[in-house]
N, C-alpha and C. Protein backbone atom coordinates (compact mmCIF):
# COMPACT_ATOMS: atom_id res chain seq x y z
N MET A 1 121.14 98.27 81.86
CA MET A 1 120.43 97.00 82.32
C MET A 1 119.82 97.25 83.61
N GLU A 2 120.52 97.96 84.52
CA GLU A 2 120.02 98.38 86.03
C GLU A 2 118.67 98.86 85.92
N LYS A 3 118.46 99.85 85.02
CA LYS A 3 117.12 100.57 85.19
C LYS A 3 116.09 99.50 84.75
N ALA A 4 116.26 98.48 83.81
CA ALA A 4 115.33 97.64 83.56
C ALA A 4 114.77 96.55 84.55
N THR A 5 115.70 96.30 85.43
CA THR A 5 115.46 95.44 86.55
C THR A 5 115.30 96.06 87.90
N ASN A 6 115.14 97.52 87.90
CA ASN A 6 115.01 98.14 89.06
C ASN A 6 113.77 97.76 89.92
N ASP A 7 112.60 97.55 89.16
CA ASP A 7 111.32 97.22 89.79
C ASP A 7 111.31 95.86 90.29
N LYS A 8 111.86 94.86 89.47
CA LYS A 8 111.95 93.56 89.85
C LYS A 8 112.85 93.33 91.25
N ASP A 9 113.92 93.99 91.15
CA ASP A 9 114.67 94.03 92.42
C ASP A 9 114.05 94.53 93.66
N PHE A 10 113.40 95.70 93.49
CA PHE A 10 112.75 96.25 94.52
C PHE A 10 111.55 95.29 94.99
N LEU A 11 110.78 94.77 93.98
CA LEU A 11 109.68 93.87 94.64
C LEU A 11 110.34 92.63 95.29
N GLU A 12 111.60 91.99 94.82
CA GLU A 12 111.99 90.96 95.57
C GLU A 12 112.44 91.26 96.85
N TYR A 13 113.17 92.51 97.01
CA TYR A 13 113.44 92.98 98.38
C TYR A 13 112.50 93.15 99.36
N ILE A 14 111.20 93.69 98.90
CA ILE A 14 110.05 93.80 99.70
C ILE A 14 109.37 92.48 100.20
N ILE A 15 109.36 91.52 99.22
CA ILE A 15 108.72 90.26 99.53
C ILE A 15 109.59 89.45 100.29
N LYS A 16 110.83 89.45 100.15
CA LYS A 16 111.74 88.51 100.92
C LYS A 16 111.82 89.11 102.49
N GLY A 17 111.50 90.32 102.59
CA GLY A 17 111.45 90.94 103.83
C GLY A 17 110.16 90.47 104.69
N LEU A 18 109.16 90.12 103.88
CA LEU A 18 107.92 89.96 104.53
C LEU A 18 107.70 88.50 104.75
N VAL A 19 108.18 87.63 104.03
CA VAL A 19 107.84 86.24 104.19
C VAL A 19 108.75 85.31 104.94
N ASP A 20 108.29 84.19 105.48
CA ASP A 20 109.12 83.13 106.21
C ASP A 20 110.10 82.40 105.38
N ASN A 21 109.82 82.29 103.99
CA ASN A 21 110.64 81.33 103.32
C ASN A 21 111.16 82.29 102.01
N PRO A 22 112.09 83.05 102.37
CA PRO A 22 112.85 84.01 101.32
C PRO A 22 113.27 83.11 100.05
N GLY A 23 113.58 82.02 100.25
CA GLY A 23 114.33 81.37 99.21
C GLY A 23 113.31 80.89 98.21
N ASP A 24 112.21 80.84 98.55
CA ASP A 24 111.19 80.42 97.57
C ASP A 24 110.43 81.47 96.71
N VAL A 25 111.08 82.70 97.03
CA VAL A 25 110.57 83.90 96.31
C VAL A 25 110.98 83.97 94.79
N LYS A 26 110.08 84.00 93.82
CA LYS A 26 110.62 84.19 92.56
C LYS A 26 109.77 85.12 91.78
N VAL A 27 110.37 86.07 91.01
CA VAL A 27 109.90 87.06 90.25
C VAL A 27 110.24 87.02 88.84
N GLU A 28 109.19 87.00 87.91
CA GLU A 28 109.44 87.06 86.53
C GLU A 28 109.03 88.33 85.98
N ARG A 29 109.85 88.79 85.06
CA ARG A 29 109.48 90.08 84.43
C ARG A 29 109.14 90.09 82.95
N LYS A 30 108.12 90.43 82.64
CA LYS A 30 107.58 90.33 81.12
C LYS A 30 107.39 91.87 80.62
N VAL A 31 107.70 92.09 79.47
CA VAL A 31 107.39 93.57 78.90
C VAL A 31 106.65 93.27 77.65
N ASP A 32 105.71 93.90 77.49
CA ASP A 32 104.70 94.04 76.31
C ASP A 32 104.16 95.44 75.97
N GLU A 33 103.32 95.32 75.07
CA GLU A 33 102.81 96.81 74.77
C GLU A 33 102.03 97.39 75.80
N MET A 34 101.33 96.68 76.73
CA MET A 34 100.70 97.18 77.96
C MET A 34 101.56 97.75 78.91
N GLY A 35 102.94 97.29 78.91
CA GLY A 35 103.77 97.84 79.97
C GLY A 35 104.59 96.61 80.49
N VAL A 36 104.81 96.71 81.82
CA VAL A 36 105.71 95.70 82.53
C VAL A 36 104.79 94.77 83.40
N LEU A 37 104.81 93.59 83.32
CA LEU A 37 104.11 92.74 84.13
C LEU A 37 105.16 91.90 85.09
N LEU A 38 105.01 92.01 86.38
CA LEU A 38 105.80 91.21 87.29
C LEU A 38 104.95 90.07 87.96
N SER A 39 105.47 88.88 87.64
CA SER A 39 104.66 87.90 88.25
C SER A 39 105.32 87.27 89.41
N LEU A 40 104.82 87.23 90.57
CA LEU A 40 105.33 86.78 91.87
C LEU A 40 104.85 85.44 92.21
N LYS A 41 105.80 84.55 92.64
CA LYS A 41 105.42 83.22 93.13
C LYS A 41 106.33 83.21 94.51
N VAL A 42 105.42 82.71 95.51
CA VAL A 42 105.85 82.55 96.88
C VAL A 42 105.50 81.24 97.45
N ASN A 43 106.13 80.86 98.43
CA ASN A 43 105.81 79.47 99.18
C ASN A 43 104.23 79.59 99.58
N GLN A 44 103.50 78.60 99.50
CA GLN A 44 102.06 78.51 99.88
C GLN A 44 101.83 78.96 101.29
N GLU A 45 102.80 78.60 102.23
CA GLU A 45 102.61 79.01 103.48
C GLU A 45 102.70 80.59 103.82
N ASP A 46 103.33 81.28 102.68
CA ASP A 46 103.45 82.71 102.81
C ASP A 46 102.49 83.58 102.13
N MET A 47 101.43 82.96 101.45
CA MET A 47 100.54 83.63 100.65
C MET A 47 99.80 84.53 101.57
N GLY A 48 99.31 84.23 102.60
CA GLY A 48 98.63 85.17 103.62
C GLY A 48 99.39 86.35 104.21
N GLN A 49 100.53 86.26 104.35
CA GLN A 49 101.56 87.38 104.77
C GLN A 49 101.51 88.27 103.33
N ILE A 50 101.55 87.88 102.23
CA ILE A 50 101.67 88.75 101.06
C ILE A 50 100.27 89.41 100.63
N ILE A 51 99.12 88.53 100.83
CA ILE A 51 97.93 89.22 100.62
C ILE A 51 97.55 90.07 101.67
N GLY A 52 97.69 89.75 102.88
CA GLY A 52 97.18 90.53 104.10
C GLY A 52 95.70 90.63 104.46
N LYS A 53 95.40 91.25 105.26
CA LYS A 53 93.94 91.36 105.93
C LYS A 53 93.13 92.01 104.64
N ALA A 54 92.19 91.36 104.17
CA ALA A 54 91.31 92.04 102.96
C ALA A 54 91.98 92.59 101.87
N GLY A 55 93.38 92.00 101.75
CA GLY A 55 94.11 92.28 100.54
C GLY A 55 94.80 93.69 100.78
N SER A 56 94.98 94.05 101.82
CA SER A 56 95.67 95.36 102.26
C SER A 56 97.17 95.43 101.90
N THR A 57 97.91 94.33 102.15
CA THR A 57 99.26 94.24 101.98
C THR A 57 99.39 94.22 100.47
N ALA A 58 98.72 93.27 99.69
CA ALA A 58 98.86 93.29 98.21
C ALA A 58 98.64 94.50 97.62
N ARG A 59 97.66 95.18 98.06
CA ARG A 59 97.30 96.59 97.50
C ARG A 59 98.48 97.59 97.68
N ALA A 60 98.93 97.56 98.83
CA ALA A 60 100.05 98.48 99.12
C ALA A 60 101.40 98.02 98.43
N ILE A 61 101.64 96.82 98.06
CA ILE A 61 102.77 96.42 97.41
C ILE A 61 102.70 96.98 95.78
N ARG A 62 101.30 96.77 95.56
CA ARG A 62 101.06 97.02 94.05
C ARG A 62 101.26 98.75 93.93
N ASN A 63 100.81 99.38 94.84
CA ASN A 63 101.11 100.89 94.67
C ASN A 63 102.51 101.15 94.67
N LEU A 64 103.34 100.49 95.63
CA LEU A 64 104.85 100.72 95.59
C LEU A 64 105.33 100.53 94.30
N ILE A 65 104.99 99.42 93.68
CA ILE A 65 105.54 98.92 92.30
C ILE A 65 105.03 100.10 91.28
N ARG A 66 103.88 100.44 91.36
CA ARG A 66 103.51 101.39 90.28
C ARG A 66 104.26 102.70 90.57
N ILE A 67 104.57 103.15 91.74
CA ILE A 67 105.50 104.31 91.80
C ILE A 67 106.76 104.20 91.29
N VAL A 68 107.36 102.97 91.48
CA VAL A 68 108.65 102.80 91.05
C VAL A 68 108.65 102.78 89.55
N GLY A 69 107.63 102.07 88.85
CA GLY A 69 107.29 102.27 87.46
C GLY A 69 107.19 103.60 87.04
N LEU A 70 106.46 104.50 87.68
CA LEU A 70 106.24 105.93 87.14
C LEU A 70 107.53 106.68 86.97
N LYS A 71 108.55 106.35 88.09
CA LYS A 71 109.76 107.02 88.19
C LYS A 71 110.66 106.54 87.00
N ASN A 72 110.45 105.36 86.54
CA ASN A 72 111.16 104.91 85.24
C ASN A 72 110.25 104.98 83.98
N HIS A 73 109.21 105.60 84.10
CA HIS A 73 108.53 105.96 82.87
C HIS A 73 107.85 104.69 82.34
N ALA A 74 107.42 103.80 83.13
CA ALA A 74 106.75 102.55 82.66
C ALA A 74 105.53 102.22 83.45
N ARG A 75 104.54 101.63 82.88
CA ARG A 75 103.60 101.05 83.44
C ARG A 75 103.86 99.68 84.03
N VAL A 76 103.78 99.63 85.38
CA VAL A 76 104.08 98.26 85.90
C VAL A 76 102.94 97.79 86.57
N ASN A 77 102.70 96.44 86.57
CA ASN A 77 101.46 95.74 87.17
C ASN A 77 102.06 94.44 87.79
N LEU A 78 101.41 94.09 88.97
CA LEU A 78 101.95 92.96 89.85
C LEU A 78 100.96 91.83 89.79
N LYS A 79 101.22 90.70 89.23
CA LYS A 79 100.30 89.49 89.40
C LYS A 79 100.96 88.37 90.43
N ILE A 80 100.09 88.18 91.45
CA ILE A 80 100.42 87.29 92.58
C ILE A 80 100.01 85.91 92.00
N GLU A 81 100.80 85.00 91.67
CA GLU A 81 100.43 83.71 91.21
C GLU A 81 100.15 82.67 92.58
N GLU A 82 98.97 82.11 92.26
CA GLU A 82 98.63 81.15 93.36
C GLU A 82 99.57 79.92 93.40
N PRO A 83 100.07 79.47 94.43
CA PRO A 83 100.91 78.29 94.27
C PRO A 83 100.05 76.95 93.95
N GLU A 84 100.75 76.13 93.44
CA GLU A 84 100.30 74.84 93.06
C GLU A 84 99.95 74.20 94.25
N GLY A 85 98.78 73.36 94.68
CA GLY A 85 98.28 72.72 95.63
C GLY A 85 97.90 73.62 96.84
N GLY A 86 97.47 74.89 96.31
CA GLY A 86 97.04 75.95 97.27
C GLY A 86 95.78 75.39 97.84
N LYS A 87 95.17 76.22 98.71
CA LYS A 87 93.81 75.94 99.41
C LYS A 87 92.78 76.01 98.34
N PRO A 88 91.92 75.05 97.95
CA PRO A 88 90.79 75.10 97.24
C PRO A 88 89.73 76.02 97.73
N ARG A 89 89.16 76.62 96.76
CA ARG A 89 88.12 77.55 97.10
C ARG A 89 86.83 76.51 97.31
N PRO A 90 86.04 76.95 98.42
CA PRO A 90 84.82 76.07 98.86
C PRO A 90 83.81 76.18 97.57
N GLU A 91 83.37 75.02 97.24
CA GLU A 91 82.18 74.93 96.12
C GLU A 91 80.96 75.41 96.73
N ARG A 92 80.22 76.34 95.96
CA ARG A 92 78.97 76.72 96.29
C ARG A 92 77.89 75.76 96.00
N THR A 93 77.05 75.61 97.00
CA THR A 93 75.84 74.51 96.81
C THR A 93 74.82 75.12 95.61
N PRO A 94 73.96 74.38 95.13
CA PRO A 94 72.98 74.88 94.07
C PRO A 94 72.17 75.90 94.82
N GLU A 95 71.83 75.79 96.12
CA GLU A 95 71.02 76.77 96.82
C GLU A 95 71.88 77.99 96.89
N GLU A 96 73.03 78.07 97.10
CA GLU A 96 73.80 79.34 97.25
C GLU A 96 73.82 79.91 95.76
N LYS A 97 74.07 79.17 94.84
CA LYS A 97 74.03 79.67 93.44
C LYS A 97 72.80 80.29 93.06
N LYS A 98 71.68 79.65 93.46
CA LYS A 98 70.27 80.11 93.18
C LYS A 98 69.99 81.40 93.82
N ASP A 99 70.42 81.57 95.23
CA ASP A 99 70.12 82.63 95.98
C ASP A 99 71.13 83.83 95.68
N SER A 100 71.78 83.84 94.70
CA SER A 100 72.92 84.87 94.53
C SER A 100 72.33 86.17 94.32
N ASP A 101 72.94 87.11 94.85
CA ASP A 101 72.44 88.49 94.62
C ASP A 101 72.36 89.04 93.27
N LEU A 102 73.22 88.50 92.48
CA LEU A 102 73.25 88.98 91.06
C LEU A 102 71.81 88.42 90.34
N ASP A 103 71.40 87.23 90.68
CA ASP A 103 70.25 86.64 90.25
C ASP A 103 69.01 87.34 90.58
N ASN A 104 69.08 87.91 91.67
CA ASN A 104 67.85 88.71 92.30
C ASN A 104 67.95 90.12 91.79
N LEU A 105 68.86 90.75 91.08
CA LEU A 105 69.07 91.99 90.65
C LEU A 105 68.02 92.40 89.69
N SER A 106 67.37 93.36 89.85
CA SER A 106 66.26 93.83 88.80
C SER A 106 66.81 95.30 88.37
N LEU A 107 66.50 95.59 87.13
CA LEU A 107 66.74 96.93 86.71
C LEU A 107 65.49 97.61 86.32
């Protein structure tokens, strides 16, 4: 059983060392035909610390988790769950939607 939760324990250890609210860290582990999926939930105030500047911290954590998975002969992916009541994304105005680069793309 220890081998099965090695990746989960490792992720919890890393995240609890990064955040200000380690008691709010929750990791769920699901196994399916695609491999192992670790779902991470943290306090809303800690999301910035987990994501990092331009996603660099999240990318590094994902790389470490994949390496642990490779060592255990499993494909491991990390999903960072957005907390309820998180910051809403700003709505784009119709002008912004209209002037999208994808709309102006020609082949």
